[in-house]
Amino acid sequence: MSDFKLKIVLSVLTGVIFSFVFILLAFVLPAQKEEPTLMKKPSNILEEVSKSLRK
């Protein structure tokens, strides 16, 4: 009976530690890299209208 309890306790502790590691990794590692977006100036009237409509 004590072997069974030991296995249960060890499996619960392993699950808790495994979950804790993944929770820490979720906070430490970024979800995606922030890449700078380049804003291009409109070169013709159609691009200017399109840009003003998006705003």
PDB file of N, CA and C in Angstrom:
ATOM      1  N   MET A   1       0.822  -1.202   0.000  1.00  0.00           N
ATOM      2  CA  MET A   1       0.000   0.000   0.000  1.00  0.00           C
ATOM      3  C   MET A   1       0.861   1.258   0.000  1.00  0.00           C
ATOM      4  N   SER A   2       2.006   1.206   0.687  1.00  0.00           N
ATOM      5  CA  SER A   2       2.848   2.391   0.744  1.00  0.00           C
ATOM      6  C   SER A   2       3.500   2.668  -0.610  1.00  0.00           C
ATOM      7  N   ASP A   3       3.766   1.613  -1.413  1.00  0.00           N
ATOM      8  CA  ASP A   3       4.302   1.829  -2.757  1.00  0.00           C
ATOM      9  C   ASP A   3       3.310   2.591  -3.618  1.00  0.00           C
ATOM     10  N   PHE A   4       2.048   2.234  -3.483  1.00  0.00           N
ATOM     11  CA  PHE A   4       1.008   2.917  -4.259  1.00  0.00           C
ATOM     12  C   PHE A   4       0.928   4.392  -3.879  1.00  0.00           C
ATOM     13  N   LYS A   5       0.946   4.690  -2.584  1.00  0.00           N
ATOM     14  CA  LYS A   5       0.905   6.083  -2.127  1.00  0.00           C
ATOM     15  C   LYS A   5       2.133   6.849  -2.586  1.00  0.00           C
ATOM     16  N   LEU A   6       3.291   6.204  -2.565  1.00  0.00           N
ATOM     17  CA  LEU A   6       4.516   6.841  -3.015  1.00  0.00           C
ATOM     18  C   LEU A   6       4.443   7.177  -4.499  1.00  0.00           C
ATOM     19  N   LYS A   7       3.907   6.256  -5.280  1.00  0.00           N
ATOM     20  CA  LYS A   7       3.760   6.514  -6.718  1.00  0.00           C
ATOM     21  C   LYS A   7       2.796   7.663  -6.976  1.00  0.00           C
ATOM     22  N   ILE A   8       1.712   7.730  -6.235  1.00  0.00           N
ATOM     23  CA  ILE A   8       0.738   8.819  -6.392  1.00  0.00           C
ATOM     24  C   ILE A   8       1.379  10.156  -6.033  1.00  0.00           C
ATOM     25  N   VAL A   9       2.079  10.196  -4.916  1.00  0.00           N
ATOM     26  CA  VAL A   9       2.722  11.442  -4.473  1.00  0.00           C
ATOM     27  C   VAL A   9       3.778  11.877  -5.480  1.00  0.00           C
ATOM     28  N   LEU A  10       4.594  10.960  -5.971  1.00  0.00           N
ATOM     29  CA  LEU A  10       5.620  11.299  -6.940  1.00  0.00           C
ATOM     30  C   LEU A  10       5.020  11.773  -8.261  1.00  0.00           C
ATOM     31  N   SER A  11       3.940  11.151  -8.701  1.00  0.00           N
ATOM     32  CA  SER A  11       3.326  11.589  -9.962  1.00  0.00           C
ATOM     33  C   SER A  11       2.688  12.970  -9.810  1.00  0.00           C
ATOM     34  N   VAL A  12       2.099  13.257  -8.656  1.00  0.00           N
ATOM     35  CA  VAL A  12       1.510  14.581  -8.432  1.00  0.00           C
ATOM     36  C   VAL A  12       2.607  15.639  -8.374  1.00  0.00           C
ATOM     37  N   LEU A  13       3.690  15.364  -7.659  1.00  0.00           N
ATOM     38  CA  LEU A  13       4.793  16.313  -7.577  1.00  0.00           C
ATOM     39  C   LEU A  13       5.436  16.543  -8.940  1.00  0.00           C
ATOM     40  N   THR A  14       5.575  15.494  -9.727  1.00  0.00           N
ATOM     41  CA  THR A  14       6.141  15.634 -11.067  1.00  0.00           C
ATOM     42  C   THR A  14       5.233  16.503 -11.937  1.00  0.00           C
ATOM     43  N   GLY A  15       3.945  16.294 -11.850  1.00  0.00           N
ATOM     44  CA  GLY A  15       3.001  17.108 -12.620  1.00  0.00           C
ATOM     45  C   GLY A  15       3.033  18.567 -12.208  1.00  0.00           C
ATOM     46  N   VAL A  16       3.129  18.835 -10.927  1.00  0.00           N
ATOM     47  CA  VAL A  16       3.172  20.209 -10.439  1.00  0.00           C
ATOM     48  C   VAL A  16       4.450  20.898 -10.904  1.00  0.00           C
ATOM     49  N   ILE A  17       5.573  20.211 -10.794  1.00  0.00           N
ATOM     50  CA  ILE A  17       6.851  20.807 -11.214  1.00  0.00           C
ATOM     51  C   ILE A  17       6.866  21.029 -12.719  1.00  0.00           C
ATOM     52  N   PHE A  18       6.370  20.068 -13.486  1.00  0.00           N
ATOM     53  CA  PHE A  18       6.307  20.190 -14.940  1.00  0.00           C
ATOM     54  C   PHE A  18       5.431  21.376 -15.346  1.00  0.00           C
ATOM     55  N   SER A  19       4.285  21.528 -14.709  1.00  0.00           N
ATOM     56  CA  SER A  19       3.400  22.654 -15.002  1.00  0.00           C
ATOM     57  C   SER A  19       4.052  23.976 -14.608  1.00  0.00           C
ATOM     58  N   PHE A  20       4.722  24.000 -13.486  1.00  0.00           N
ATOM     59  CA  PHE A  20       5.381  25.215 -13.018  1.00  0.00           C
ATOM     60  C   PHE A  20       6.456  25.665 -14.001  1.00  0.00           C
ATOM     61  N   VAL A  21       7.201  24.718 -14.565  1.00  0.00           N
ATOM     62  CA  VAL A  21       8.235  25.061 -15.544  1.00  0.00           C
ATOM     63  C   VAL A  21       7.608  25.701 -16.778  1.00  0.00           C
ATOM     64  N   PHE A  22       6.508  25.142 -17.266  1.00  0.00           N
ATOM     65  CA  PHE A  22       5.870  25.708 -18.448  1.00  0.00           C
ATOM     66  C   PHE A  22       5.229  27.059 -18.165  1.00  0.00           C
ATOM     67  N   ILE A  23       4.710  27.265 -16.976  1.00  0.00           N
ATOM     68  CA  ILE A  23       4.153  28.570 -16.616  1.00  0.00           C
ATOM     69  C   ILE A  23       5.274  29.615 -16.571  1.00  0.00           C
ATOM     70  N   LEU A  24       6.411  29.256 -15.999  1.00  0.00           N
ATOM     71  CA  LEU A  24       7.550  30.183 -15.977  1.00  0.00           C
ATOM     72  C   LEU A  24       8.035  30.490 -17.391  1.00  0.00           C
ATOM     73  N   LEU A  25       8.097  29.486 -18.249  1.00  0.00           N
ATOM     74  CA  LEU A  25       8.524  29.721 -19.624  1.00  0.00           C
ATOM     75  C   LEU A  25       7.555  30.635 -20.362  1.00  0.00           C
ATOM     76  N   ALA A  26       6.281  30.538 -20.072  1.00  0.00           N
ATOM     77  CA  ALA A  26       5.291  31.391 -20.727  1.00  0.00           C
ATOM     78  C   ALA A  26       5.497  32.854 -20.352  1.00  0.00           C
ATOM     79  N   PHE A  27       5.939  33.121 -19.128  1.00  0.00           N
ATOM     80  CA  PHE A  27       6.162  34.501 -18.720  1.00  0.00           C
ATOM     81  C   PHE A  27       7.524  35.022 -19.172  1.00  0.00           C
ATOM     82  N   VAL A  28       8.506  34.147 -19.276  1.00  0.00           N
ATOM     83  CA  VAL A  28       9.857  34.583 -19.608  1.00  0.00           C
ATOM     84  C   VAL A  28      10.030  34.785 -21.106  1.00  0.00           C
ATOM     85  N   LEU A  29       9.560  33.832 -21.902  1.00  0.00           N
ATOM     86  CA  LEU A  29       9.755  33.909 -23.349  1.00  0.00           C
ATOM     87  C   LEU A  29       8.655  34.743 -23.997  1.00  0.00           C
ATOM     88  N   PRO A  30       9.013  35.597 -24.941  1.00  0.00           N
ATOM     89  CA  PRO A  30       7.978  36.382 -25.631  1.00  0.00           C
ATOM     90  C   PRO A  30       7.174  35.504 -26.586  1.00  0.00           C
ATOM     91  N   ALA A  31       5.930  35.873 -26.801  1.00  0.00           N
ATOM     92  CA  ALA A  31       5.072  35.093 -27.686  1.00  0.00           C
ATOM     93  C   ALA A  31       5.498  35.243 -29.133  1.00  0.00           C
ATOM     94  N   GLN A  32       5.841  36.449 -29.534  1.00  0.00           N
ATOM     95  CA  GLN A  32       6.317  36.682 -30.889  1.00  0.00           C
ATOM     96  C   GLN A  32       7.276  37.860 -30.870  1.00  0.00           C
ATOM     97  N   LYS A  33       8.131  37.899 -31.848  1.00  0.00           N
ATOM     98  CA  LYS A  33       9.117  38.977 -31.892  1.00  0.00           C
ATOM     99  C   LYS A  33       8.479  40.235 -32.441  1.00  0.00           C
ATOM    100  N   GLU A  34       8.809  41.339 -31.809  1.00  0.00           N
ATOM    101  CA  GLU A  34       8.311  42.633 -32.260  1.00  0.00           C
ATOM    102  C   GLU A  34       9.235  43.142 -33.354  1.00  0.00           C
ATOM    103  N   GLU A  35       8.743  43.201 -34.569  1.00  0.00           N
ATOM    104  CA  GLU A  35       9.547  43.713 -35.665  1.00  0.00           C
ATOM    105  C   GLU A  35       9.052  45.109 -36.012  1.00  0.00           C
ATOM    106  N   PRO A  36       9.972  46.033 -36.230  1.00  0.00           N
ATOM    107  CA  PRO A  36       9.540  47.401 -36.569  1.00  0.00           C
ATOM    108  C   PRO A  36       8.863  47.425 -37.937  1.00  0.00           C
ATOM    109  N   THR A  37       7.771  48.158 -38.006  1.00  0.00           N
ATOM    110  CA  THR A  37       7.068  48.294 -39.276  1.00  0.00           C
ATOM    111  C   THR A  37       7.505  49.591 -39.931  1.00  0.00           C
ATOM    112  N   LEU A  38       7.811  49.503 -41.188  1.00  0.00           N
ATOM    113  CA  LEU A  38       8.258  50.678 -41.920  1.00  0.00           C
ATOM    114  C   LEU A  38       7.051  51.354 -42.556  1.00  0.00           C
ATOM    115  N   MET A  39       6.901  52.631 -42.291  1.00  0.00           N
ATOM    116  CA  MET A  39       5.797  53.392 -42.871  1.00  0.00           C
ATOM    117  C   MET A  39       6.289  54.053 -44.152  1.00  0.00           C
ATOM    118  N   LYS A  40       5.681  53.680 -45.264  1.00  0.00           N
ATOM    119  CA  LYS A  40       6.076  54.212 -46.556  1.00  0.00           C
ATOM    120  C   LYS A  40       5.191  55.408 -46.891  1.00  0.00           C
ATOM    121  N   LYS A  41       5.812  56.458 -47.392  1.00  0.00           N
ATOM    122  CA  LYS A  41       5.037  57.627 -47.795  1.00  0.00           C
ATOM    123  C   LYS A  41       4.318  57.306 -49.101  1.00  0.00           C
ATOM    124  N   PRO A  42       3.059  57.752 -49.231  1.00  0.00           N
ATOM    125  CA  PRO A  42       2.324  57.492 -50.468  1.00  0.00           C
ATOM    126  C   PRO A  42       2.977  58.207 -51.653  1.00  0.00           C
ATOM    127  N   SER A  43       3.108  57.469 -52.760  1.00  0.00           N
ATOM    128  CA  SER A  43       3.779  58.056 -53.928  1.00  0.00           C
ATOM    129  C   SER A  43       2.786  58.598 -54.951  1.00  0.00           C
ATOM    130  N   ASN A  44       1.515  58.203 -54.851  1.00  0.00           N
ATOM    131  CA  ASN A  44       0.538  58.749 -55.798  1.00  0.00           C
ATOM    132  C   ASN A  44      -0.781  59.019 -55.079  1.00  0.00           C
ATOM    133  N   ILE A  45      -1.732  59.565 -55.791  1.00  0.00           N
ATOM    134  CA  ILE A  45      -2.998  59.986 -55.189  1.00  0.00           C
ATOM    135  C   ILE A  45      -3.820  58.793 -54.705  1.00  0.00           C
ATOM    136  N   LEU A  46      -3.733  57.663 -55.425  1.00  0.00           N
ATOM    137  CA  LEU A  46      -4.495  56.483 -55.029  1.00  0.00           C
ATOM    138  C   LEU A  46      -4.009  55.950 -53.676  1.00  0.00           C
ATOM    139  N   GLU A  47      -2.715  55.955 -53.443  1.00  0.00           N
ATOM    140  CA  GLU A  47      -2.184  55.508 -52.157  1.00  0.00           C
ATOM    141  C   GLU A  47      -2.560  56.473 -51.038  1.00  0.00           C
ATOM    142  N   GLU A  48      -2.611  57.751 -51.322  1.00  0.00           N
ATOM    143  CA  GLU A  48      -3.021  58.729 -50.312  1.00  0.00           C
ATOM    144  C   GLU A  48      -4.472  58.519 -49.907  1.00  0.00           C
ATOM    145  N   VAL A  49      -5.335  58.265 -50.891  1.00  0.00           N
ATOM    146  CA  VAL A  49      -6.750  58.023 -50.603  1.00  0.00           C
ATOM    147  C   VAL A  49      -6.905  56.734 -49.806  1.00  0.00           C
ATOM    148  N   SER A  50      -6.171  55.722 -50.195  1.00  0.00           N
ATOM    149  CA  SER A  50      -6.240  54.437 -49.491  1.00  0.00           C
ATOM    150  C   SER A  50      -5.783  54.588 -48.043  1.00  0.00           C
ATOM    151  N   LYS A  51      -4.722  55.354 -47.827  1.00  0.00           N
ATOM    152  CA  LYS A  51      -4.209  55.563 -46.475  1.00  0.00           C
ATOM    153  C   LYS A  51      -5.214  56.340 -45.626  1.00  0.00           C
ATOM    154  N   SER A  52      -5.853  57.343 -46.225  1.00  0.00           N
ATOM    155  CA  SER A  52      -6.823  58.126 -45.457  1.00  0.00           C
ATOM    156  C   SER A  52      -8.072  57.304 -45.136  1.00  0.00           C
ATOM    157  N   LEU A  53      -8.438  56.371 -46.015  1.00  0.00           N
ATOM    158  CA  LEU A  53      -9.604  55.520 -45.751  1.00  0.00           C
ATOM    159  C   LEU A  53      -9.314  54.514 -44.648  1.00  0.00           C
ATOM    160  N   ARG A  54      -8.079  54.055 -44.540  1.00  0.00           N
ATOM    161  CA  ARG A  54      -7.715  53.105 -43.495  1.00  0.00           C
ATOM    162  C   ARG A  54      -7.768  53.744 -42.119  1.00  0.00           C
ATOM    163  N   LYS A  55      -7.508  55.041 -42.046  1.00  0.00           N
ATOM    164  CA  LYS A  55      -7.556  55.742 -40.763  1.00  0.00           C
ATOM    165  C   LYS A  55      -8.990  55.935 -40.384  1.00  0.00           C
TER     166      LYS A  55
END
